[in-house]
Every structure is written in structure tokens, then in C-alpha cells.
Amino acid sequence: MAEKYRSCVVDIRSLPFVYRDPEPRRQVRLPLSPYTTGDERYLVTHVILDPKGISNGHVHEESDEIIYFSGPAKVRLDSEDYDLAGEGIVTAPRGVWHECINPSPTSCLTLVCFFLPPFKPFDVFGESIDATQRHLAKEGAARVSPMPPQGTDAVGRRR
């Protein structure tokens, strides 16, 4: 019998964030991870880059990363630059140096980053995990619910 994972519904904007870097800053949230929801298959971050913000180049040795961009952006993968004119998705396989840049002088850019498998926490992510765990403990576990019964949709309504 296949292992059943729990469904999870998260209002991202209700979660606490931590700031990363000096100006221009990044807001970092950690809505889904083994450390916050218990699901060990993936880790998801929600990042808001200030106008002209940058993610600072980095490599994930143990995870592939899939990044959703809410609007125009510049992405550097190893030594190549790519411009996204609007919403877009970029993959950065493990071991590939990458950097995300918000070219706008006035608007924030939202990134949703999916890591498979989850990376080990480092830097600001430890603080984000602690803040999210405190928030979920205070709010209760209503955000994480068991799989809906057979014959119902994702929120438990009969089909």
C-alpha cells in the first residue's frame, strides 16, 4: 500500500518572513518543508525581491531547484544570462550556480522556489524555520490536514 501524504493548504502571506541581506532586501518565507509540515519529499520557499534586488549567486549541491518568477526578471545560470519578459519558470539542477535579479526600479518580484529533495537548512533558513514553527504552533495545525476521504475533492467535498 502506498504511503499517504497529508494535503496542505497554506496562506503564504499569513506566514512570518525574515529579511535576508542589506538593501535591497529579500523577504524569505518557508511555507512547506520537512521542518515545518513534516513532508520530507520537498522544500518550498517564497521570496520577495525588492526593486533592483538580487538573490546573490549560489549553488545547491544536494537539491534541484525549480523557480517560478511572477514577472520580468534576469537569471544567471553558470556563466549564461537570461532575460524573462514576464512570468516564467527556470530550473537550476543541483550543482549549477544561479542568481535571480529583479531588474525593476519600482516593483517587487516574487519567486516561489521548489527544492527536490529538500536542502539542509543554512543561513537565514534556520531562522525562517523557527519563525514558521512558532507561527504554526500558535495558529494550530489546521493548515495541514489529513488526506481527504476517497470520493471527495482536495478539501473534502463529495464529488
Protein backbone atom coordinates (compact mmCIF):
# COMPACT_ATOMS: atom_id res chain seq x y z
CA MET A 1 0.00 0.00 0.00
CA ALA A 2 1.38 3.39 -0.99
CA GLU A 3 2.20 5.80 1.80
CA LYS A 4 -0.35 8.59 2.04
CA TYR A 5 0.84 12.13 2.47
CA ARG A 6 -1.24 14.83 4.02
CA SER A 7 -2.78 17.60 1.98
CA CYS A 8 -1.58 21.04 2.92
CA VAL A 9 -3.22 24.42 2.36
CA VAL A 10 -1.06 27.41 3.24
CA ASP A 11 -1.91 31.12 3.13
CA ILE A 12 1.63 32.24 2.34
CA ARG A 13 1.11 35.88 3.27
CA SER A 14 -0.02 34.85 6.77
CA LEU A 15 3.37 33.25 7.46
CA PRO A 16 6.20 35.17 9.06
CA PHE A 17 9.18 36.18 6.95
CA VAL A 18 12.77 37.00 7.66
CA TYR A 19 14.84 39.59 5.86
CA ARG A 20 17.92 38.50 4.01
CA ASP A 21 20.77 40.80 3.02
CA PRO A 22 21.14 44.56 3.36
CA GLU A 23 19.31 46.90 0.96
CA PRO A 24 17.82 45.95 -1.42
CA ARG A 25 16.41 43.22 0.76
CA ARG A 26 14.71 39.87 0.30
CA GLN A 27 11.77 38.64 2.33
CA VAL A 28 12.07 34.88 2.79
CA ARG A 29 9.26 32.56 3.87
CA LEU A 30 9.40 28.80 4.24
CA PRO A 31 5.82 27.56 3.80
CA LEU A 32 6.49 23.88 3.08
CA SER A 33 9.39 21.79 4.32
CA PRO A 34 10.23 18.72 6.36
CA TYR A 35 10.87 21.13 9.26
CA THR A 36 7.50 22.93 9.11
CA THR A 37 4.94 20.49 7.67
CA GLY A 38 6.78 17.20 8.08
CA ASP A 39 6.70 16.23 4.40
CA GLU A 40 10.21 15.13 3.53
CA ARG A 41 9.80 14.98 -0.26
CA TYR A 42 10.38 18.67 -1.00
CA LEU A 43 11.01 22.14 0.38
CA VAL A 44 9.32 25.31 -0.93
CA THR A 45 10.43 28.88 -0.32
CA HIS A 46 8.57 32.10 -1.08
CA VAL A 47 10.89 35.03 -1.72
CA ILE A 48 10.10 38.67 -2.46
CA LEU A 49 12.96 40.61 -4.03
CA ASP A 50 12.88 44.37 -3.53
CA PRO A 51 13.20 46.57 -6.62
CA LYS A 52 16.69 46.03 -8.07
CA GLY A 53 17.06 43.11 -5.62
CA ILE A 54 19.30 40.13 -6.21
CA SER A 55 19.42 36.62 -4.76
CA ASN A 56 23.22 36.52 -4.65
CA GLY A 57 24.72 33.71 -6.68
CA HIS A 58 24.80 30.31 -5.07
CA VAL A 59 24.81 26.54 -5.68
CA HIS A 60 22.70 23.79 -4.14
CA GLU A 61 24.80 20.63 -4.14
CA GLU A 62 22.08 18.32 -2.85
CA SER A 63 18.91 19.70 -4.50
CA ASP A 64 17.46 20.52 -7.88
CA GLU A 65 15.64 23.87 -7.82
CA ILE A 66 12.63 24.93 -9.87
CA ILE A 67 11.96 28.67 -9.65
CA TYR A 68 8.71 30.43 -10.59
CA PHE A 69 9.03 34.17 -11.35
CA SER A 70 5.97 36.44 -11.02
CA GLY A 71 7.20 38.95 -13.59
CA PRO A 72 10.16 40.24 -15.58
CA ALA A 73 13.50 39.03 -14.27
CA LYS A 74 17.09 38.30 -15.14
CA VAL A 75 18.57 34.89 -14.34
CA ARG A 76 22.18 33.81 -14.40
CA LEU A 77 22.87 30.10 -14.76
CA ASP A 78 26.57 29.32 -14.54
CA SER A 79 28.01 31.88 -16.99
CA GLU A 80 24.87 32.48 -19.10
CA ASP A 81 22.40 35.36 -18.61
CA TYR A 82 18.72 35.01 -19.49
CA ASP A 83 16.02 37.68 -19.56
CA LEU A 84 12.43 36.76 -18.72
CA ALA A 85 9.98 39.26 -20.20
CA GLY A 86 7.12 38.16 -17.93
CA GLU A 87 6.15 35.25 -15.73
CA GLY A 88 8.50 32.33 -16.12
CA ILE A 89 9.97 29.14 -14.76
CA VAL A 90 13.65 28.28 -14.57
CA THR A 91 15.33 25.06 -13.48
CA ALA A 92 18.68 25.03 -11.72
CA PRO A 93 19.82 21.41 -11.39
CA ARG A 94 21.98 20.55 -8.38
CA GLY A 95 25.50 21.85 -8.77
CA VAL A 96 24.54 24.71 -11.15
CA TRP A 97 25.50 28.20 -9.93
CA HIS A 98 22.49 30.53 -10.23
CA GLU A 99 21.36 34.02 -9.35
CA CYS A 100 17.98 35.79 -9.68
CA ILE A 101 17.79 39.53 -10.31
CA ASN A 102 14.83 41.90 -10.17
CA PRO A 103 15.51 44.46 -12.93
CA SER A 104 12.61 46.74 -11.94
CA PRO A 105 13.49 50.00 -10.21
CA THR A 106 9.97 50.25 -8.72
CA SER A 107 8.27 46.83 -8.36
CA CYS A 108 8.98 43.82 -6.18
CA LEU A 109 9.46 40.40 -7.77
CA THR A 110 8.05 37.22 -6.23
CA LEU A 111 9.86 33.90 -6.55
CA VAL A 112 8.47 30.54 -5.50
CA CYS A 113 11.30 28.02 -5.30
CA PHE A 114 10.80 24.25 -5.18
CA PHE A 115 13.70 22.08 -3.96
CA LEU A 116 13.81 18.36 -4.66
CA PRO A 117 14.95 16.78 -2.43
CA PRO A 118 14.89 19.34 0.41
CA PHE A 119 18.19 21.02 1.19
CA LYS A 120 19.69 21.11 4.67
CA PRO A 121 18.92 24.47 6.31
CA PHE A 122 21.64 27.11 6.25
CA ASP A 123 21.91 30.83 6.84
CA VAL A 124 18.53 32.61 7.02
CA PHE A 125 16.56 29.38 6.56
CA GLY A 126 17.16 28.25 10.14
CA GLU A 127 15.62 31.50 11.37
CA SER A 128 12.74 31.11 8.91
CA ILE A 129 12.07 27.54 10.10
CA ASP A 130 11.96 28.70 13.73
CA ALA A 131 9.60 31.58 12.91
CA THR A 132 7.30 29.33 10.86
CA GLN A 133 7.22 26.61 13.54
CA ARG A 134 6.28 29.20 16.20
CA HIS A 135 3.56 30.58 13.92
CA LEU A 136 2.09 27.15 13.14
CA ALA A 137 2.17 26.17 16.83
CA LYS A 138 0.26 29.33 17.69
CA GLU A 139 -2.22 29.02 14.81
CA GLY A 140 -2.71 25.28 15.25
CA ALA A 141 -2.29 22.55 12.68
CA ALA A 142 -5.40 23.48 10.68
CA ARG A 143 -3.18 24.37 7.73
CA VAL A 144 -2.04 20.76 7.45
CA SER A 145 -4.87 18.29 7.13
CA PRO A 146 -5.17 14.55 6.50
CA MET A 147 -5.81 13.29 3.00
CA PRO A 148 -9.49 13.77 2.15
CA PRO A 149 -11.66 10.64 2.13
CA GLN A 150 -11.93 8.67 -1.10
CA GLY A 151 -14.61 10.13 -3.41
CA THR A 152 -14.07 13.73 -2.30
CA ASP A 153 -12.13 16.65 -3.75
CA ALA A 154 -8.99 18.21 -2.26
CA VAL A 155 -10.92 19.99 0.50
CA GLY A 156 -13.19 17.05 1.40
CA ARG A 157 -16.32 17.88 -0.63
CA ARG A 158 -18.15 14.93 -2.19
CA ARG A 159 -17.63 14.55 -5.93
